[in-house]
């Protein structure tokens, strides 16, 4: 998992190799791509769990990198429970 404090310190424009020490060794195996915003054109996006909780829908952090492997976007993709709450509010 990627901790919220580590995510907060990531800045766009930073090369992946500089961030690698704080990123988990594995990406999420079931990323919530259906709830994520459209990725930037040509970007490669990677998803990381925002919590170590199991058997529940949790937030994910999405990091998108350009062809030079620099961070171009970072997003919090809400878990199902948060997404459903947002739909109810509308």
Protein backbone atom coordinates (compact mmCIF):
# COMPACT_ATOMS: atom_id res chain seq x y z
CA UNK A 1 0.00 0.00 0.00
CA UNK A 2 1.00 3.62 -0.53
CA UNK A 3 0.54 5.60 2.66
CA UNK A 4 -1.50 8.80 2.51
CA UNK A 5 1.45 10.82 3.83
CA UNK A 6 3.79 9.47 1.12
CA UNK A 7 1.13 10.19 -1.54
CA UNK A 8 0.74 13.76 -0.26
CA UNK A 9 4.46 14.42 -0.76
CA UNK A 10 4.53 13.28 -4.41
CA UNK A 11 4.78 16.18 -6.86
CA UNK A 12 4.00 16.30 -10.56
CA UNK A 13 7.06 16.55 -12.74
CA UNK A 14 9.07 14.22 -10.51
CA UNK A 15 10.75 11.28 -12.29
CA UNK A 16 9.55 7.82 -11.31
CA UNK A 17 13.06 6.79 -10.26
CA UNK A 18 13.05 9.51 -7.57
CA UNK A 19 9.70 8.28 -6.22
CA UNK A 20 10.43 4.57 -6.40
CA UNK A 21 11.82 4.33 -2.84
CA UNK A 22 8.45 5.36 -1.33
CA UNK A 23 6.24 3.42 -3.74
CA UNK A 24 5.08 -0.12 -2.96
CA UNK A 25 6.84 -2.89 -4.82
CA UNK A 26 3.52 -4.04 -6.29
CA UNK A 27 0.64 -2.23 -7.92
CA UNK A 28 -2.99 -3.01 -7.06
CA UNK A 29 -4.04 -6.21 -8.82
CA UNK A 30 -7.68 -5.08 -9.11
CA UNK A 31 -7.53 -1.33 -9.81
CA UNK A 32 -10.82 0.60 -9.85
CA UNK A 33 -10.33 1.89 -13.39
CA UNK A 34 -14.11 2.24 -13.83
CA UNK A 35 -14.27 4.90 -11.08
CA UNK A 36 -11.12 6.78 -12.08
CA UNK A 37 -11.10 9.96 -14.16
CA UNK A 38 -9.92 9.74 -17.75
CA UNK A 39 -6.13 9.40 -17.81
CA UNK A 40 -4.01 12.11 -19.41
CA UNK A 41 -3.40 11.37 -23.12
CA UNK A 42 -0.46 9.00 -23.60
CA UNK A 43 0.03 8.45 -19.86
CA UNK A 44 0.76 5.14 -18.16
CA UNK A 45 -1.23 5.02 -14.91
CA UNK A 46 -0.44 2.85 -11.91
CA UNK A 47 -2.74 2.16 -8.99
CA UNK A 48 -1.81 1.59 -5.36
CA UNK A 49 -4.01 0.69 -2.41
CA UNK A 50 -4.42 3.50 0.11
CA UNK A 51 -5.06 1.11 3.01
CA UNK A 52 -4.07 -2.36 4.08
CA UNK A 53 -7.67 -3.30 4.90
CA UNK A 54 -8.89 -6.49 3.30
CA UNK A 55 -12.36 -7.57 2.20
CA UNK A 56 -13.63 -4.02 1.89
CA UNK A 57 -13.70 -1.41 -0.84
CA UNK A 58 -10.96 1.13 -0.14
CA UNK A 59 -9.55 4.22 -1.78
CA UNK A 60 -6.76 3.83 -4.31
CA UNK A 61 -4.08 6.28 -5.34
CA UNK A 62 -3.54 6.58 -9.09
CA UNK A 63 -0.23 7.89 -10.40
CA UNK A 64 0.12 8.65 -14.11
CA UNK A 65 3.47 8.97 -15.85
CA UNK A 66 4.36 10.40 -19.26
CA UNK A 67 6.68 8.81 -21.81
CA UNK A 68 9.71 10.23 -19.99
CA UNK A 69 8.48 8.51 -16.80
CA UNK A 70 7.66 11.77 -15.03
CA UNK A 71 4.56 12.10 -12.84
CA UNK A 72 1.91 14.03 -14.78
CA UNK A 73 -1.18 13.35 -12.64
CA UNK A 74 -2.11 11.96 -9.25
CA UNK A 75 -5.64 11.12 -8.18
CA UNK A 76 -7.51 9.56 -5.30
CA UNK A 77 -10.01 7.03 -6.61
CA UNK A 78 -12.66 6.53 -3.92
CA UNK A 79 -13.75 3.13 -2.72
CA UNK A 80 -17.22 1.92 -3.66
CA UNK A 81 -18.76 3.10 -0.43
CA UNK A 82 -17.54 6.66 -0.97
CA UNK A 83 -18.57 6.61 -4.64
CA UNK A 84 -22.06 5.40 -3.71
CA UNK A 85 -22.39 8.14 -1.07
CA UNK A 86 -21.46 10.72 -3.69
CA UNK A 87 -24.13 9.35 -6.07
CA UNK A 88 -26.77 9.57 -3.33
CA UNK A 89 -25.86 13.22 -2.65
CA UNK A 90 -26.50 14.17 -6.28
